[in-house]
Amino acid sequence: MINSIPVPVGTPAPITSNGRSMTWTEQILKPDLYFVIPGDLQTLTGGYAYDRALMQALAEAGVNVHHIALSARFPMPDTAALADAAAQLANIPDHAIVMIDGLAYGTMDDIASQEHRRLNIIALCHHPLALESGLDAETERRLFDSEHRALNLACAVVVTSHATASLLEERFGIARAQLTVALPGTQKQVFARCQGDPPCLLTVATLTRRKAHDVLITALARIKQLSWRARFVGGDHFDPAWSAALRAQVCEQRLDDRIHFTGSVSDLDAEYSAADIFVLPSRFEGYGMVFAEALSFGLPVVAARVGAVPDVVPANAGILVPADDAVELADALQRLLTDPDKYQALQRGARAAATTLPDWRDTATQVIQVMHNVVTPQQ
């Protein structure tokens, strides 16, 4: 168990009566955090995985984390879901530190307006709601307006990548001083053996439009002549119509014997360990925890050059192509499947990148710094 989190280098820390430097948690008079999250915390997506791991790391650091579950109807809440959210926040003690996951917070602008003077609200933004793929213009505008208002009412905003920080600063008008980047952590892993016969192309993502499985299927159809198999790991219940369309596309391309839809799996480590290449051409990523996870297993990555992906995947560990470009995506996969030297070079790069990835203690350190800041008068 982690007993303390040290003060970041270069920042003077108060001294206890026995001469020991105080940790950030000790500097917060009541290190309680009310973590407000919509839906089922055990949902197998990157955002929920971040929340689960962060809660555990904060608890190990001595923070008393109180999980408050909101309706699963967010980010498209009905009247009942919003009323329940308002009631639950109203029950939180005055002056408490409250972190609200952006999946809900982006549509809670009226509630934030009521509560932001009474509570120390920290918004956690994985990626802006209005940038989800497949939204009509009116929904996109409504989500942008509500999230813009809500974010500007928060005491602080935590984001999961530098790219998202820049996006919120430029498009949502959030001051840089209000933004803190708390990169997702990873665990050290045994590198994958990468000796598949045929090579295994792994994709880990929910079956939603933003993840661009349709582009990947089109790309794979262009390299039918090569030896490979693909595993699409991820839940299909978020957008059933889209999931059905993807399965139909696979059948139309006569790839149903080579592409396997696994659904959600509980043991992702086994999937990474058995893979040879990680590929996911998302149309946007606020961070993309799966890319870091793939690197932690030493897997070369093929992805789209969007959002935070270039920040996560260094040039010597993967190939990044334009978004929605199935031709470039197919060419990149073909290079890795047919050029052993290129593959081995990127594999070495991925393994080197794995040694530099932050762990969850680093993530918790950043969040505890934010907690300290929102309850401590700034000079």
Protein backbone atom coordinates (compact mmCIF):
# COMPACT_ATOMS: atom_id res chain seq x y z
CA MET A 1 0.00 0.00 0.00
CA ILE A 2 1.17 3.51 -0.82
CA ASN A 3 1.40 5.39 2.46
CA SER A 4 2.11 8.84 1.10
CA ILE A 5 2.59 10.87 -2.04
CA PRO A 6 5.55 13.25 -1.99
CA VAL A 7 5.33 16.91 -2.83
CA PRO A 8 6.38 17.53 -6.47
CA VAL A 9 10.03 18.44 -6.91
CA GLY A 10 10.78 22.13 -6.49
CA THR A 11 7.69 22.90 -4.40
CA PRO A 12 8.39 23.73 -0.72
CA ALA A 13 6.39 21.55 1.65
CA PRO A 14 5.29 22.45 5.20
CA ILE A 15 7.14 20.66 7.99
CA THR A 16 5.49 18.56 10.71
CA SER A 17 6.39 18.85 14.41
CA ASN A 18 8.94 16.04 14.07
CA GLY A 19 10.69 17.74 11.17
CA ARG A 20 9.25 15.53 8.42
CA SER A 21 7.97 17.13 5.22
CA MET A 22 4.19 16.91 4.98
CA THR A 23 2.57 15.05 2.10
CA TRP A 24 -0.13 16.71 0.02
CA THR A 25 -2.82 14.60 1.68
CA GLU A 26 -1.65 15.80 5.09
CA GLN A 27 -1.83 19.40 3.92
CA ILE A 28 -5.53 18.99 3.11
CA LEU A 29 -7.34 19.29 6.43
CA LYS A 30 -9.98 16.73 5.43
CA PRO A 31 -8.69 14.64 2.51
CA ASP A 32 -12.15 13.53 1.39
CA LEU A 33 -13.09 13.36 -2.27
CA TYR A 34 -16.62 12.82 -3.52
CA PHE A 35 -16.19 11.17 -6.93
CA VAL A 36 -19.36 11.48 -9.01
CA ILE A 37 -19.59 8.99 -11.88
CA PRO A 38 -22.59 8.08 -14.07
CA GLY A 39 -23.54 4.48 -14.81
CA ASP A 40 -21.88 1.24 -13.81
CA LEU A 41 -18.32 1.78 -12.57
CA GLN A 42 -17.39 -1.71 -13.82
CA THR A 43 -18.21 -0.81 -17.44
CA LEU A 44 -15.34 -1.99 -19.65
CA THR A 45 -14.29 1.24 -21.35
CA GLY A 46 -11.17 3.35 -21.04
CA GLY A 47 -12.96 6.14 -19.21
CA TYR A 48 -14.35 3.85 -16.54
CA ALA A 49 -11.02 2.03 -16.25
CA TYR A 50 -9.38 5.42 -15.59
CA ASP A 51 -11.93 6.23 -12.89
CA ARG A 52 -11.54 2.84 -11.19
CA ALA A 53 -7.74 2.97 -11.18
CA LEU A 54 -7.66 6.59 -10.02
CA MET A 55 -10.04 5.86 -7.14
CA GLN A 56 -7.84 2.99 -6.00
CA ALA A 57 -4.62 5.02 -6.28
CA LEU A 58 -6.14 7.92 -4.35
CA ALA A 59 -7.37 5.58 -1.61
CA GLU A 60 -3.92 4.02 -1.33
CA ALA A 61 -2.51 7.54 -0.97
CA GLY A 62 -4.74 8.24 2.02
CA VAL A 63 -7.63 10.08 0.38
CA ASN A 64 -11.11 9.10 1.59
CA VAL A 65 -12.88 8.51 -1.71
CA HIS A 66 -16.69 8.53 -1.65
CA HIS A 67 -18.15 7.09 -4.86
CA ILE A 68 -21.45 8.66 -5.90
CA ALA A 69 -23.19 6.83 -8.74
CA LEU A 70 -25.48 8.73 -11.09
CA SER A 71 -27.90 7.44 -13.70
CA ALA A 72 -26.54 5.52 -16.68
CA ARG A 73 -28.63 7.77 -18.92
CA PHE A 74 -25.82 10.33 -18.99
CA PRO A 75 -24.56 11.92 -21.23
CA MET A 76 -28.13 12.09 -22.56
CA PRO A 77 -29.99 12.46 -19.24
CA ASP A 78 -33.73 12.68 -18.91
CA THR A 79 -35.52 14.82 -16.34
CA ALA A 80 -35.38 12.07 -13.70
CA ALA A 81 -31.63 11.56 -14.14
CA LEU A 82 -30.95 15.28 -13.74
CA ALA A 83 -33.23 15.51 -10.70
CA ASP A 84 -31.43 12.58 -9.08
CA ALA A 85 -28.04 14.16 -9.81
CA ALA A 86 -29.16 17.47 -8.31
CA ALA A 87 -30.43 15.72 -5.18
CA GLN A 88 -27.23 13.73 -4.71
CA LEU A 89 -25.01 16.80 -5.05
CA ALA A 90 -27.26 18.72 -2.67
CA ASN A 91 -26.57 16.05 -0.03
CA ILE A 92 -22.80 16.51 -0.22
CA PRO A 93 -21.45 18.55 2.74
CA ASP A 94 -20.64 22.24 2.27
CA HIS A 95 -17.14 23.04 1.02
CA ALA A 96 -16.45 19.41 0.07
CA ILE A 97 -14.11 18.56 -2.80
CA VAL A 98 -16.18 16.99 -5.56
CA MET A 99 -14.78 15.47 -8.74
CA ILE A 100 -17.40 14.89 -11.45
CA ASP A 101 -16.73 12.70 -14.47
CA GLY A 102 -17.24 14.63 -17.69
CA LEU A 103 -19.61 12.00 -19.09
CA ALA A 104 -22.14 13.53 -16.70
CA TYR A 105 -20.68 16.94 -15.85
CA GLY A 106 -20.85 18.21 -19.41
CA THR A 107 -24.66 18.12 -19.23
CA MET A 108 -24.96 19.29 -15.60
CA ASP A 109 -24.48 23.01 -16.24
CA ASP A 110 -27.66 24.04 -14.39
CA ILE A 111 -26.69 21.92 -11.39
CA ALA A 112 -23.14 23.29 -11.45
CA SER A 113 -24.61 26.80 -11.46
CA GLN A 114 -26.55 25.98 -8.30
CA GLU A 115 -23.71 24.24 -6.47
CA HIS A 116 -20.39 25.73 -7.58
CA ARG A 117 -20.25 28.35 -4.79
CA ARG A 118 -21.03 25.78 -2.09
CA LEU A 119 -18.83 22.92 -3.34
CA ASN A 120 -15.28 22.76 -4.64
CA ILE A 121 -16.06 21.19 -7.99
CA ILE A 122 -13.29 19.58 -10.06
CA ALA A 123 -14.35 18.56 -13.56
CA LEU A 124 -12.74 15.43 -15.02
CA CYS A 125 -12.83 15.67 -18.82
CA HIS A 126 -11.75 12.58 -20.75
CA HIS A 127 -12.79 14.22 -24.02
CA PRO A 128 -15.44 16.83 -24.86
CA LEU A 129 -18.92 15.37 -25.34
CA ALA A 130 -19.59 17.50 -28.41
CA LEU A 131 -16.71 15.80 -30.25
CA GLU A 132 -18.30 12.35 -30.18
CA SER A 133 -18.76 11.04 -33.73
CA GLY A 134 -22.21 10.65 -35.25
CA LEU A 135 -23.93 13.58 -33.51
CA ASP A 136 -26.37 15.75 -35.42
CA ALA A 137 -25.64 19.47 -35.55
CA GLU A 138 -28.27 20.42 -32.94
CA THR A 139 -27.06 17.84 -30.41
CA GLU A 140 -23.46 18.86 -30.97
CA ARG A 141 -24.33 22.53 -30.39
CA ARG A 142 -26.36 21.75 -27.27
CA LEU A 143 -23.59 19.61 -25.77
CA PHE A 144 -20.96 22.23 -26.55
CA ASP A 145 -23.00 24.99 -24.91
CA SER A 146 -23.76 22.99 -21.75
CA GLU A 147 -20.20 21.70 -21.38
CA HIS A 148 -18.71 25.14 -22.02
CA ARG A 149 -20.86 26.61 -19.27
CA ALA A 150 -20.25 23.76 -16.82
CA LEU A 151 -16.48 23.70 -17.29
CA ASN A 152 -16.24 27.42 -16.69
CA LEU A 153 -18.08 27.01 -13.38
CA ALA A 154 -15.62 24.42 -12.02
CA CYS A 155 -12.84 25.33 -9.60
CA ALA A 156 -10.44 23.25 -11.69
CA VAL A 157 -10.48 20.94 -14.67
CA VAL A 158 -8.51 17.70 -14.84
CA VAL A 159 -7.85 16.26 -18.30
CA THR A 160 -6.16 13.07 -19.40
CA SER A 161 -3.85 14.50 -22.05
CA HIS A 162 -2.02 17.66 -23.08
CA ALA A 163 -3.95 17.61 -26.36
CA THR A 164 -7.26 17.80 -24.51
CA ALA A 165 -5.91 20.61 -22.33
CA SER A 166 -5.07 22.62 -25.44
CA LEU A 167 -8.46 21.83 -26.94
CA LEU A 168 -10.32 23.06 -23.85
CA GLU A 169 -8.21 26.19 -23.71
CA GLU A 170 -8.69 27.05 -27.37
CA ARG A 171 -12.32 26.04 -27.97
CA PHE A 172 -13.92 26.20 -24.53
CA GLY A 173 -12.07 29.20 -23.12
CA ILE A 174 -10.71 27.40 -20.06
CA ALA A 175 -7.73 29.26 -18.61
CA ARG A 176 -4.51 27.27 -18.68
CA ALA A 177 -4.08 27.86 -14.93
CA GLN A 178 -7.36 26.01 -14.35
CA LEU A 179 -6.23 22.92 -16.26
CA THR A 180 -4.23 19.98 -14.90
CA VAL A 181 -3.09 17.05 -16.99
CA ALA A 182 -3.28 13.75 -15.11
CA LEU A 183 -2.10 11.17 -17.61
CA PRO A 184 -3.53 7.66 -17.20
CA GLY A 185 -1.19 5.23 -15.51
CA THR A 186 -0.14 1.80 -16.72
CA GLN A 187 1.26 -1.25 -15.03
CA LYS A 188 4.56 -2.83 -15.97
CA GLN A 189 3.92 -5.88 -18.15
CA VAL A 190 5.78 -8.84 -19.58
CA PHE A 191 6.27 -8.01 -23.25
CA ALA A 192 4.18 -9.95 -25.75
CA ARG A 193 6.08 -12.68 -27.61
CA CYS A 194 4.76 -11.49 -31.01
CA GLN A 195 5.17 -14.81 -32.78
CA GLY A 196 1.64 -15.32 -34.08
CA ASP A 197 1.06 -17.63 -37.04
CA PRO A 198 -0.84 -16.00 -38.59
CA PRO A 199 -0.02 -12.62 -36.94
CA CYS A 200 -2.78 -11.32 -34.68
CA LEU A 201 -4.03 -7.75 -35.21
CA LEU A 202 -5.64 -6.56 -31.98
CA THR A 203 -8.21 -3.76 -31.64
CA VAL A 204 -9.54 -2.81 -28.20
CA ALA A 205 -12.45 -0.36 -28.33
CA THR A 206 -16.19 -0.22 -27.86
CA LEU A 207 -18.09 -0.57 -31.13
CA THR A 208 -18.94 3.09 -31.63
CA ARG A 209 -18.57 5.36 -34.65
CA ARG A 210 -15.70 7.35 -33.12
CA LYS A 211 -13.49 4.26 -33.00
CA ALA A 212 -13.66 3.84 -36.80
CA HIS A 213 -13.89 0.05 -37.00
CA ASP A 214 -15.53 0.60 -40.39
CA VAL A 215 -12.34 2.19 -41.72
CA LEU A 216 -10.30 -0.69 -40.34
CA ILE A 217 -12.54 -3.31 -41.96
CA THR A 218 -12.17 -1.54 -45.31
CA ALA A 219 -8.39 -1.46 -44.85
CA LEU A 220 -8.24 -5.15 -43.94
CA ALA A 221 -10.24 -5.99 -47.07
CA ARG A 222 -7.44 -4.41 -49.10
CA ILE A 223 -4.85 -6.80 -47.66
CA LYS A 224 -6.80 -10.04 -47.93
CA GLN A 225 -3.89 -11.62 -49.73
CA LEU A 226 -1.68 -11.41 -46.63
CA SER A 227 -1.65 -13.78 -43.68
CA TRP A 228 -3.32 -12.26 -40.61
CA ARG A 229 -6.21 -12.63 -38.19
CA ALA A 230 -7.96 -9.83 -36.29
CA ARG A 231 -9.65 -9.62 -32.91
CA PHE A 232 -12.08 -6.77 -32.25
CA VAL A 233 -12.34 -6.59 -28.46
CA GLY A 234 -15.01 -4.29 -27.05
CA GLY A 235 -18.63 -4.00 -26.03
CA ASP A 236 -21.31 -3.81 -28.72
CA HIS A 237 -24.23 -2.51 -26.63
CA PHE A 238 -23.45 1.22 -26.77
CA ASP A 239 -24.72 1.55 -30.35
CA PRO A 240 -26.44 -1.69 -31.42
CA ALA A 241 -27.30 -0.42 -34.90
CA TRP A 242 -23.67 0.51 -35.57
CA SER A 243 -22.45 -2.81 -34.19
CA ALA A 244 -24.82 -4.66 -36.53
CA ALA A 245 -23.61 -2.57 -39.46
CA LEU A 246 -19.98 -3.47 -38.70
CA ARG A 247 -20.79 -7.18 -38.61
CA ALA A 248 -22.64 -6.83 -41.90
CA GLN A 249 -19.64 -5.05 -43.42
CA VAL A 250 -17.35 -7.91 -42.35
CA CYS A 251 -19.66 -10.43 -44.00
CA GLU A 252 -19.93 -8.35 -47.18
CA GLN A 253 -16.13 -8.27 -47.41
CA ARG A 254 -16.02 -12.04 -46.75
CA LEU A 255 -13.78 -11.53 -43.75
CA ASP A 256 -16.00 -13.25 -41.17
CA ASP A 257 -13.53 -16.15 -40.91
CA ARG A 258 -10.65 -13.76 -40.13
CA ILE A 259 -12.19 -10.98 -38.00
CA HIS A 260 -13.56 -12.08 -34.63
CA PHE A 261 -15.83 -9.84 -32.55
CA THR A 262 -15.15 -10.90 -28.96
CA GLY A 263 -17.45 -8.50 -27.12
CA SER A 264 -16.25 -7.21 -23.75
CA VAL A 265 -13.60 -9.34 -22.06
CA SER A 266 -12.47 -9.32 -18.45
CA ASP A 267 -8.88 -10.36 -19.15
CA LEU A 268 -7.44 -7.75 -21.49
CA ASP A 269 -3.89 -8.69 -20.51
CA ALA A 270 -4.32 -12.04 -22.22
CA GLU A 271 -5.45 -10.29 -25.42
CA TYR A 272 -2.43 -7.99 -25.49
CA SER A 273 -0.06 -10.85 -24.66
CA ALA A 274 -1.32 -12.91 -27.61
CA ALA A 275 -1.20 -10.04 -30.13
CA ASP A 276 1.45 -9.03 -32.67
CA ILE A 277 0.21 -5.57 -33.73
CA PHE A 278 -2.21 -3.15 -32.08
CA VAL A 279 -4.40 -1.21 -34.52
CA LEU A 280 -7.15 1.34 -33.82
CA PRO A 281 -7.88 4.19 -36.29
CA SER A 282 -10.10 6.29 -33.99
CA ARG A 283 -11.53 9.50 -35.39
CA PHE A 284 -10.71 11.26 -32.11
CA GLU A 285 -9.04 10.34 -28.82
CA GLY A 286 -8.80 12.47 -25.70
CA TYR A 287 -5.97 10.18 -24.62
CA GLY A 288 -6.53 6.58 -25.61
CA MET A 289 -5.51 4.38 -22.69
CA VAL A 290 -5.43 1.34 -24.94
CA PHE A 291 -2.50 2.78 -26.89
CA ALA A 292 -0.47 3.12 -23.71
CA GLU A 293 -1.53 -0.38 -22.66
CA ALA A 294 -0.42 -1.76 -26.03
CA LEU A 295 2.97 -0.07 -25.64
CA SER A 296 3.30 -1.50 -22.13
CA PHE A 297 3.17 -4.95 -23.77
CA GLY A 298 5.74 -3.88 -26.36
CA LEU A 299 3.31 -3.95 -29.29
CA PRO A 300 3.88 -1.83 -32.41
CA VAL A 301 0.89 0.48 -32.95
CA VAL A 302 -0.99 1.54 -36.07
CA ALA A 303 -3.45 4.38 -35.52
CA ALA A 304 -4.86 7.64 -36.87
CA ARG A 305 -3.03 10.89 -36.22
CA VAL A 306 -5.79 12.50 -34.16
CA GLY A 307 -6.24 14.10 -30.74
CA ALA A 308 -3.75 12.88 -28.17
CA VAL A 309 -2.59 9.81 -30.10
CA PRO A 310 0.66 11.43 -31.34
CA ASP A 311 1.46 12.34 -27.72
CA VAL A 312 1.04 8.73 -26.60
CA VAL A 313 2.57 6.83 -29.52
CA PRO A 314 6.11 7.98 -30.39
CA ALA A 315 7.26 7.84 -34.01
CA ASN A 316 9.66 4.99 -33.29
CA ALA A 317 6.87 2.82 -31.84
CA GLY A 318 4.10 3.07 -34.40
CA ILE A 319 2.75 4.31 -37.70
CA LEU A 320 0.15 7.08 -37.65
CA VAL A 321 -2.03 7.74 -40.69
CA PRO A 322 -4.67 10.36 -41.54
CA ALA A 323 -8.11 9.79 -40.03
CA ASP A 324 -10.69 8.01 -42.22
CA ASP A 325 -8.01 6.97 -44.72
CA ALA A 326 -8.41 3.23 -45.32
CA VAL A 327 -5.78 3.22 -48.08
CA GLU A 328 -3.03 4.64 -45.86
CA LEU A 329 -4.15 2.38 -43.02
CA ALA A 330 -3.92 -0.70 -45.25
CA ASP A 331 -0.48 0.36 -46.48
CA ALA A 332 0.76 0.76 -42.90
CA LEU A 333 -0.49 -2.68 -41.90
CA GLN A 334 0.99 -4.21 -45.03
CA ARG A 335 4.39 -2.72 -44.20
CA LEU A 336 4.41 -4.26 -40.76
CA LEU A 337 3.18 -7.62 -42.03
CA THR A 338 5.70 -7.87 -44.86
CA ASP A 339 8.79 -5.96 -43.65
CA PRO A 340 10.45 -7.75 -40.70
CA ASP A 341 13.01 -5.00 -40.24
CA LYS A 342 10.33 -2.31 -39.95
CA TYR A 343 8.30 -4.46 -37.58
CA GLN A 344 11.28 -5.18 -35.31
CA ALA A 345 12.30 -1.51 -35.26
CA LEU A 346 8.84 -0.45 -34.09
CA GLN A 347 8.75 -3.30 -31.61
CA ARG A 348 11.99 -2.03 -30.08
CA GLY A 349 10.53 1.47 -30.00
CA ALA A 350 7.37 0.24 -28.28
CA ARG A 351 9.39 -1.58 -25.63
CA ALA A 352 11.48 1.53 -25.02
CA ALA A 353 8.33 3.67 -24.74
CA ALA A 354 6.93 1.23 -22.18
CA THR A 355 9.69 2.15 -19.75
CA THR A 356 8.66 5.84 -19.77
CA LEU A 357 4.92 5.45 -19.17
CA PRO A 358 3.53 6.93 -15.94
CA ASP A 359 1.95 4.69 -13.30
CA TRP A 360 -1.26 5.33 -11.35
CA ARG A 361 0.61 6.79 -8.41
CA ASP A 362 1.78 9.56 -10.75
CA THR A 363 -1.84 10.16 -11.79
CA ALA A 364 -2.99 10.33 -8.17
CA THR A 365 -0.20 12.79 -7.36
CA GLN A 366 -1.54 15.22 -9.95
CA VAL A 367 -5.12 14.94 -8.69
CA ILE A 368 -4.09 15.40 -5.05
CA GLN A 369 -2.22 18.56 -6.09
CA VAL A 370 -5.47 19.83 -7.60
CA MET A 371 -7.36 18.95 -4.40
CA HIS A 372 -4.79 20.90 -2.42
CA ASN A 373 -5.07 23.89 -4.73
CA VAL A 374 -8.86 24.19 -4.60
CA VAL A 375 -8.96 24.32 -0.80
CA THR A 376 -5.86 26.47 -0.32
CA PRO A 377 -6.03 30.22 -1.00
CA GLN A 378 -3.75 31.02 -3.92
CA GLN A 379 -1.19 33.80 -3.48
